[in-house]
Amino acid sequence: MADTGVPMLAVDYRLAPEHPHPTPVEDCYAGLTWLVEHAAELNVDPARIAVMGDSAGGGLAAGTTLLARDRGLPVARQILVYPMLDDRTTTDDPALAPFLGWSADDNYTGWHALLGDAAGGPEVSSYAAPARASDLSGLPPSYVEVGELDLFRDESVDYARRIAAAGASVELHVHPGCPHGFELIAPDSAVARRARADRLRVLKGF
């Protein structure tokens, strides 16, 4: 997001399946704590640090924000772009299936890489699959964006709804006719330009 003029720290977290949960989210949290601890020398306002990610990275951003809340580290905002939140999403909606760039089979593979045989079972941590969280209170203002033709649509909308119900401010966008990663597929489309403009606005506005 060089267009924002907002400094960003990209965390080179270790990847599943070689490094399953909790390594990826703990790596992201370690990056966040490092940034807070070095805020003064980096000329960063520690009260204005946000967490952002898209797709699997969006799920990690949400998990990192939950970890930060539970460990007492303030986060100013979370920005979740078509986030991967729920390991229980294992079937394709027939109406969406022809348009999915990320299918239920892909989802099964991804979640099992992260969680192994625990995926879909009763013991999955909300830090791995944030949709599992029973308590979404105390989260920062949130921006959630997803395409109408995205496998992650329902879990993203439900997560945004539950954050709002728990008392945080939420901005939710469901982009009509858009699949997963739509702005990469058609970067010059009107909807991609709108989505980028919204992300820039949110990044600049807190």
C-alpha atoms as a PDB file:
ATOM      1  CA  MET A   1       0.000   0.000   0.000  1.00  0.00           C
ATOM      2  CA  ALA A   2       2.704   2.454  -0.986  1.00  0.00           C
ATOM      3  CA  ASP A   3       0.023   4.872  -2.212  1.00  0.00           C
ATOM      4  CA  THR A   4      -1.084   5.586   1.364  1.00  0.00           C
ATOM      5  CA  GLY A   5       2.195   6.950   2.662  1.00  0.00           C
ATOM      6  CA  VAL A   6       1.526   4.802   5.743  1.00  0.00           C
ATOM      7  CA  PRO A   7       4.534   2.734   6.880  1.00  0.00           C
ATOM      8  CA  MET A   8       3.852  -0.993   6.880  1.00  0.00           C
ATOM      9  CA  LEU A   9       5.672  -3.930   8.465  1.00  0.00           C
ATOM     10  CA  ALA A  10       5.279  -7.199   6.533  1.00  0.00           C
ATOM     11  CA  VAL A  11       5.842 -10.205   8.771  1.00  0.00           C
ATOM     12  CA  ASP A  12       7.705 -13.099   7.136  1.00  0.00           C
ATOM     13  CA  TYR A  13       5.796 -15.705   9.150  1.00  0.00           C
ATOM     14  CA  ARG A  14       6.655 -19.386   8.828  1.00  0.00           C
ATOM     15  CA  LEU A  15       4.290 -21.406   6.665  1.00  0.00           C
ATOM     16  CA  ALA A  16       2.253 -24.560   7.159  1.00  0.00           C
ATOM     17  CA  PRO A  17       2.434 -27.516   6.748  1.00  0.00           C
ATOM     18  CA  GLU A  18       6.104 -27.391   7.739  1.00  0.00           C
ATOM     19  CA  HIS A  19       5.135 -25.015  10.554  1.00  0.00           C
ATOM     20  CA  PRO A  20       1.546 -25.734  11.687  1.00  0.00           C
ATOM     21  CA  HIS A  21      -0.535 -23.765  14.177  1.00  0.00           C
ATOM     22  CA  PRO A  22       0.350 -21.950  16.378  1.00  0.00           C
ATOM     23  CA  THR A  23       3.612 -20.986  14.647  1.00  0.00           C
ATOM     24  CA  PRO A  24       2.190 -18.692  11.894  1.00  0.00           C
ATOM     25  CA  VAL A  25      -0.038 -16.630  14.197  1.00  0.00           C
ATOM     26  CA  GLU A  26       2.608 -16.485  16.924  1.00  0.00           C
ATOM     27  CA  ASP A  27       5.103 -15.229  14.338  1.00  0.00           C
ATOM     28  CA  CYS A  28       2.633 -12.497  13.370  1.00  0.00           C
ATOM     29  CA  TYR A  29       2.084 -11.582  16.995  1.00  0.00           C
ATOM     30  CA  ALA A  30       5.853 -11.456  17.536  1.00  0.00           C
ATOM     31  CA  GLY A  31       6.093  -9.006  14.635  1.00  0.00           C
ATOM     32  CA  LEU A  32       3.386  -6.853  16.206  1.00  0.00           C
ATOM     33  CA  THR A  33       5.074  -6.806  19.596  1.00  0.00           C
ATOM     34  CA  TRP A  34       8.423  -5.974  17.966  1.00  0.00           C
ATOM     35  CA  LEU A  35       6.812  -3.015  16.207  1.00  0.00           C
ATOM     36  CA  VAL A  36       5.266  -1.743  19.441  1.00  0.00           C
ATOM     37  CA  GLU A  37       8.570  -2.117  21.303  1.00  0.00           C
ATOM     38  CA  HIS A  38      10.477  -0.236  18.574  1.00  0.00           C
ATOM     39  CA  ALA A  39       7.804   2.352  17.841  1.00  0.00           C
ATOM     40  CA  ALA A  40       9.767   5.314  19.141  1.00  0.00           C
ATOM     41  CA  GLU A  41      12.897   4.648  17.082  1.00  0.00           C
ATOM     42  CA  LEU A  42      10.764   3.973  13.989  1.00  0.00           C
ATOM     43  CA  ASN A  43       8.747   7.167  14.510  1.00  0.00           C
ATOM     44  CA  VAL A  44       5.544   5.135  14.814  1.00  0.00           C
ATOM     45  CA  ASP A  45       2.663   6.132  17.083  1.00  0.00           C
ATOM     46  CA  PRO A  46       1.996   2.988  19.179  1.00  0.00           C
ATOM     47  CA  ALA A  47      -1.617   4.094  19.615  1.00  0.00           C
ATOM     48  CA  ARG A  48      -2.159   3.981  15.828  1.00  0.00           C
ATOM     49  CA  ILE A  49      -0.976   0.498  14.878  1.00  0.00           C
ATOM     50  CA  ALA A  50      -3.353  -1.610  12.796  1.00  0.00           C
ATOM     51  CA  VAL A  51      -3.259  -5.252  11.737  1.00  0.00           C
ATOM     52  CA  MET A  52      -4.093  -6.074   8.111  1.00  0.00           C
ATOM     53  CA  GLY A  53      -4.174  -9.144   5.885  1.00  0.00           C
ATOM     54  CA  ASP A  54      -5.958 -10.767   2.984  1.00  0.00           C
ATOM     55  CA  SER A  55      -7.161 -14.334   2.393  1.00  0.00           C
ATOM     56  CA  ALA A  56      -5.174 -16.703   4.659  1.00  0.00           C
ATOM     57  CA  GLY A  57      -3.303 -13.590   5.805  1.00  0.00           C
ATOM     58  CA  GLY A  58      -6.659 -12.061   6.709  1.00  0.00           C
ATOM     59  CA  GLY A  59      -7.326 -15.006   8.980  1.00  0.00           C
ATOM     60  CA  LEU A  60      -3.913 -14.552  10.551  1.00  0.00           C
ATOM     61  CA  ALA A  61      -4.608 -10.832  11.003  1.00  0.00           C
ATOM     62  CA  ALA A  62      -7.866 -11.663  12.782  1.00  0.00           C
ATOM     63  CA  GLY A  63      -6.143 -14.289  14.938  1.00  0.00           C
ATOM     64  CA  THR A  64      -3.327 -11.878  15.772  1.00  0.00           C
ATOM     65  CA  THR A  65      -5.876  -9.253  16.805  1.00  0.00           C
ATOM     66  CA  LEU A  66      -7.574 -11.767  19.110  1.00  0.00           C
ATOM     67  CA  LEU A  67      -4.196 -12.685  20.599  1.00  0.00           C
ATOM     68  CA  ALA A  68      -3.364  -9.005  21.110  1.00  0.00           C
ATOM     69  CA  ARG A  69      -6.679  -8.421  22.874  1.00  0.00           C
ATOM     70  CA  ASP A  70      -6.210 -11.396  25.170  1.00  0.00           C
ATOM     71  CA  ARG A  71      -2.586 -10.511  25.970  1.00  0.00           C
ATOM     72  CA  GLY A  72      -3.313  -6.841  26.610  1.00  0.00           C
ATOM     73  CA  LEU A  73      -1.613  -5.326  23.568  1.00  0.00           C
ATOM     74  CA  PRO A  74      -3.720  -2.494  22.090  1.00  0.00           C
ATOM     75  CA  VAL A  75      -4.457  -2.554  18.357  1.00  0.00           C
ATOM     76  CA  ALA A  76      -6.052   0.502  16.753  1.00  0.00           C
ATOM     77  CA  ARG A  77      -7.828  -1.297  13.889  1.00  0.00           C
ATOM     78  CA  GLN A  78      -8.047  -4.594  12.046  1.00  0.00           C
ATOM     79  CA  ILE A  79      -8.407  -4.644   8.260  1.00  0.00           C
ATOM     80  CA  LEU A  80      -9.545  -7.991   6.883  1.00  0.00           C
ATOM     81  CA  VAL A  81      -9.705  -8.480   3.118  1.00  0.00           C
ATOM     82  CA  TYR A  82     -11.640 -11.625   2.110  1.00  0.00           C
ATOM     83  CA  PRO A  83     -10.314 -13.351   5.237  1.00  0.00           C
ATOM     84  CA  MET A  84     -10.064 -17.137   5.701  1.00  0.00           C
ATOM     85  CA  LEU A  85     -11.698 -17.542   9.106  1.00  0.00           C
ATOM     86  CA  ASP A  86     -13.481 -20.885   9.487  1.00  0.00           C
ATOM     87  CA  ASP A  87     -12.025 -24.378   9.128  1.00  0.00           C
ATOM     88  CA  ARG A  88     -15.572 -25.772   9.035  1.00  0.00           C
ATOM     89  CA  THR A  89     -16.236 -24.332   5.563  1.00  0.00           C
ATOM     90  CA  THR A  90     -15.957 -27.638   3.725  1.00  0.00           C
ATOM     91  CA  THR A  91     -18.662 -27.624   1.030  1.00  0.00           C
ATOM     92  CA  ASP A  92     -19.186 -25.457  -2.026  1.00  0.00           C
ATOM     93  CA  ASP A  93     -22.434 -23.570  -2.495  1.00  0.00           C
ATOM     94  CA  PRO A  94     -23.654 -24.908  -5.874  1.00  0.00           C
ATOM     95  CA  ALA A  95     -24.583 -21.365  -6.895  1.00  0.00           C
ATOM     96  CA  LEU A  96     -21.025 -20.197  -6.271  1.00  0.00           C
ATOM     97  CA  ALA A  97     -19.108 -23.259  -7.465  1.00  0.00           C
ATOM     98  CA  PRO A  98     -18.610 -22.148 -11.108  1.00  0.00           C
ATOM     99  CA  PHE A  99     -17.040 -18.877  -9.956  1.00  0.00           C
ATOM    100  CA  LEU A 100     -14.831 -19.968  -7.074  1.00  0.00           C
ATOM    101  CA  GLY A 101     -11.149 -19.240  -7.404  1.00  0.00           C
ATOM    102  CA  TRP A 102     -10.702 -20.930  -4.022  1.00  0.00           C
ATOM    103  CA  SER A 103     -12.907 -23.994  -3.575  1.00  0.00           C
ATOM    104  CA  ALA A 104     -13.961 -26.110  -0.615  1.00  0.00           C
ATOM    105  CA  ASP A 105     -11.359 -28.678  -1.684  1.00  0.00           C
ATOM    106  CA  ASP A 106      -8.697 -25.964  -1.581  1.00  0.00           C
ATOM    107  CA  ASN A 107     -10.007 -24.935   1.820  1.00  0.00           C
ATOM    108  CA  TYR A 108      -9.791 -28.497   3.109  1.00  0.00           C
ATOM    109  CA  THR A 109      -6.172 -28.699   1.950  1.00  0.00           C
ATOM    110  CA  GLY A 110      -5.258 -25.343   3.467  1.00  0.00           C
ATOM    111  CA  TRP A 111      -6.842 -25.953   6.846  1.00  0.00           C
ATOM    112  CA  HIS A 112      -5.423 -29.458   7.135  1.00  0.00           C
ATOM    113  CA  ALA A 113      -1.974 -28.062   6.363  1.00  0.00           C
ATOM    114  CA  LEU A 114      -2.373 -25.662   9.286  1.00  0.00           C
ATOM    115  CA  LEU A 115      -4.259 -27.881  11.738  1.00  0.00           C
ATOM    116  CA  GLY A 116      -3.688 -31.474  10.656  1.00  0.00           C
ATOM    117  CA  ASP A 117      -6.376 -33.931  11.700  1.00  0.00           C
ATOM    118  CA  ALA A 118      -7.771 -31.417  14.199  1.00  0.00           C
ATOM    119  CA  ALA A 119      -9.304 -29.399  11.333  1.00  0.00           C
ATOM    120  CA  GLY A 120     -13.072 -29.383  11.561  1.00  0.00           C
ATOM    121  CA  GLY A 121     -13.029 -30.963  15.013  1.00  0.00           C
ATOM    122  CA  PRO A 122     -14.098 -29.610  18.394  1.00  0.00           C
ATOM    123  CA  GLU A 123     -10.689 -28.484  19.686  1.00  0.00           C
ATOM    124  CA  VAL A 124      -9.647 -25.872  17.105  1.00  0.00           C
ATOM    125  CA  SER A 125      -8.253 -22.658  18.588  1.00  0.00           C
ATOM    126  CA  SER A 126      -9.893 -19.365  17.734  1.00  0.00           C
ATOM    127  CA  TYR A 127      -6.406 -17.967  17.156  1.00  0.00           C
ATOM    128  CA  ALA A 128      -6.129 -20.385  14.222  1.00  0.00           C
ATOM    129  CA  ALA A 129      -9.737 -20.101  13.022  1.00  0.00           C
ATOM    130  CA  PRO A 130     -11.143 -16.809  14.350  1.00  0.00           C
ATOM    131  CA  ALA A 131     -14.721 -17.756  13.437  1.00  0.00           C
ATOM    132  CA  ARG A 132     -14.447 -20.199  16.345  1.00  0.00           C
ATOM    133  CA  ALA A 133     -14.171 -17.355  18.871  1.00  0.00           C
ATOM    134  CA  SER A 134     -17.138 -17.283  21.232  1.00  0.00           C
ATOM    135  CA  ASP A 135     -16.301 -13.801  22.543  1.00  0.00           C
ATOM    136  CA  LEU A 136     -15.576 -10.965  20.114  1.00  0.00           C
ATOM    137  CA  SER A 137     -15.851  -8.169  22.650  1.00  0.00           C
ATOM    138  CA  GLY A 138     -12.988  -5.747  23.088  1.00  0.00           C
ATOM    139  CA  LEU A 139     -11.866  -5.809  19.466  1.00  0.00           C
ATOM    140  CA  PRO A 140     -10.811  -2.606  17.695  1.00  0.00           C
ATOM    141  CA  PRO A 141     -12.790  -0.903  14.919  1.00  0.00           C
ATOM    142  CA  SER A 142     -12.813  -3.318  12.012  1.00  0.00           C
ATOM    143  CA  TYR A 143     -12.932  -3.211   8.227  1.00  0.00           C
ATOM    144  CA  VAL A 144     -14.107  -6.410   6.511  1.00  0.00           C
ATOM    145  CA  GLU A 145     -14.297  -6.865   2.748  1.00  0.00           C
ATOM    146  CA  VAL A 146     -15.309  -9.874   0.652  1.00  0.00           C
ATOM    147  CA  GLY A 147     -16.698 -10.704  -2.778  1.00  0.00           C
ATOM    148  CA  GLU A 148     -20.240 -11.934  -3.334  1.00  0.00           C
ATOM    149  CA  LEU A 149     -18.886 -14.999  -5.202  1.00  0.00           C
ATOM    150  CA  ASP A 150     -16.231 -15.879  -2.620  1.00  0.00           C
ATOM    151  CA  LEU A 151     -16.245 -19.090  -0.570  1.00  0.00           C
ATOM    152  CA  PHE A 152     -15.397 -16.875   2.421  1.00  0.00           C
ATOM    153  CA  ARG A 153     -18.439 -14.608   1.958  1.00  0.00           C
ATOM    154  CA  ASP A 154     -20.689 -16.022   4.649  1.00  0.00           C
ATOM    155  CA  GLU A 155     -17.997 -16.452   7.288  1.00  0.00           C
ATOM    156  CA  SER A 156     -16.715 -12.912   6.644  1.00  0.00           C
ATOM    157  CA  VAL A 157     -20.190 -11.386   6.871  1.00  0.00           C
ATOM    158  CA  ASP A 158     -20.969 -13.358  10.022  1.00  0.00           C
ATOM    159  CA  TYR A 159     -17.680 -12.356  11.638  1.00  0.00           C
ATOM    160  CA  ALA A 160     -18.363  -8.690  10.908  1.00  0.00           C
ATOM    161  CA  ARG A 161     -21.907  -9.028  12.263  1.00  0.00           C
ATOM    162  CA  ARG A 162     -20.664 -10.632  15.472  1.00  0.00           C
ATOM    163  CA  ILE A 163     -17.988  -7.962  15.990  1.00  0.00           C
ATOM    164  CA  ALA A 164     -20.677  -5.296  15.650  1.00  0.00           C
ATOM    165  CA  ALA A 165     -22.972  -7.178  18.027  1.00  0.00           C
ATOM    166  CA  ALA A 166     -20.134  -7.246  20.570  1.00  0.00           C
ATOM    167  CA  GLY A 167     -19.890  -3.458  20.456  1.00  0.00           C
ATOM    168  CA  ALA A 168     -17.099  -2.536  18.047  1.00  0.00           C
ATOM    169  CA  SER A 169     -17.472  -0.348  14.984  1.00  0.00           C
ATOM    170  CA  VAL A 170     -17.461  -2.339  11.729  1.00  0.00           C
ATOM    171  CA  GLU A 171     -17.295  -1.316   8.084  1.00  0.00           C
ATOM    172  CA  LEU A 172     -18.378  -4.218   5.868  1.00  0.00           C
ATOM    173  CA  HIS A 173     -18.234  -4.422   2.070  1.00  0.00           C
ATOM    174  CA  VAL A 174     -19.657  -7.298   0.013  1.00  0.00           C
ATOM    175  CA  HIS A 175     -18.699  -6.618  -3.587  1.00  0.00           C
ATOM    176  CA  PRO A 176     -21.390  -7.797  -6.022  1.00  0.00           C
ATOM    177  CA  GLY A 177     -20.358 -10.321  -8.654  1.00  0.00           C
ATOM    178  CA  CYS A 178     -16.792 -10.641  -7.331  1.00  0.00           C
ATOM    179  CA  PRO A 179     -14.849 -13.864  -6.671  1.00  0.00           C
ATOM    180  CA  HIS A 180     -11.903 -14.377  -4.354  1.00  0.00           C
ATOM    181  CA  GLY A 181      -8.973 -12.147  -5.298  1.00  0.00           C
ATOM    182  CA  PHE A 182     -11.106 -10.149  -7.717  1.00  0.00           C
ATOM    183  CA  GLU A 183      -8.855  -7.093  -7.774  1.00  0.00           C
ATOM    184  CA  LEU A 184      -5.930  -9.259  -8.879  1.00  0.00           C
ATOM    185  CA  ILE A 185      -7.982 -10.859 -11.642  1.00  0.00           C
ATOM    186  CA  ALA A 186      -9.327  -7.581 -13.013  1.00  0.00           C
ATOM    187  CA  PRO A 187      -7.200  -4.798 -11.524  1.00  0.00           C
ATOM    188  CA  ASP A 188      -8.597  -2.084 -13.796  1.00  0.00           C
ATOM    189  CA  SER A 189     -12.258  -2.888 -13.164  1.00  0.00           C
ATOM    190  CA  ALA A 190     -14.451  -0.309 -11.468  1.00  0.00           C
ATOM    191  CA  VAL A 191     -15.036  -2.535  -8.458  1.00  0.00           C
ATOM    192  CA  ALA A 192     -11.300  -3.146  -8.002  1.00  0.00           C
ATOM    193  CA  ARG A 193     -10.672   0.597  -8.100  1.00  0.00           C
ATOM    194  CA  ARG A 194     -13.419   1.153  -5.508  1.00  0.00           C
ATOM    195  CA  ALA A 195     -12.012  -1.547  -3.249  1.00  0.00           C
ATOM    196  CA  ARG A 196      -8.505  -0.092  -3.421  1.00  0.00           C
ATOM    197  CA  ALA A 197      -9.870   3.372  -2.707  1.00  0.00           C
ATOM    198  CA  ASP A 198     -11.694   2.052   0.361  1.00  0.00           C
ATOM    199  CA  ARG A 199      -8.571   0.336   1.648  1.00  0.00           C
ATOM    200  CA  LEU A 200      -6.511   3.481   1.140  1.00  0.00           C
ATOM    201  CA  ARG A 201      -9.144   5.563   2.919  1.00  0.00           C
ATOM    202  CA  VAL A 202      -9.219   3.215   5.906  1.00  0.00           C
ATOM    203  CA  LEU A 203      -5.435   3.055   6.146  1.00  0.00           C
ATOM    204  CA  LYS A 204      -5.143   6.837   6.074  1.00  0.00           C
ATOM    205  CA  GLY A 205      -8.103   7.493   8.357  1.00  0.00           C
ATOM    206  CA  PHE A 206      -7.104   6.329  11.812  1.00  0.00           C
END
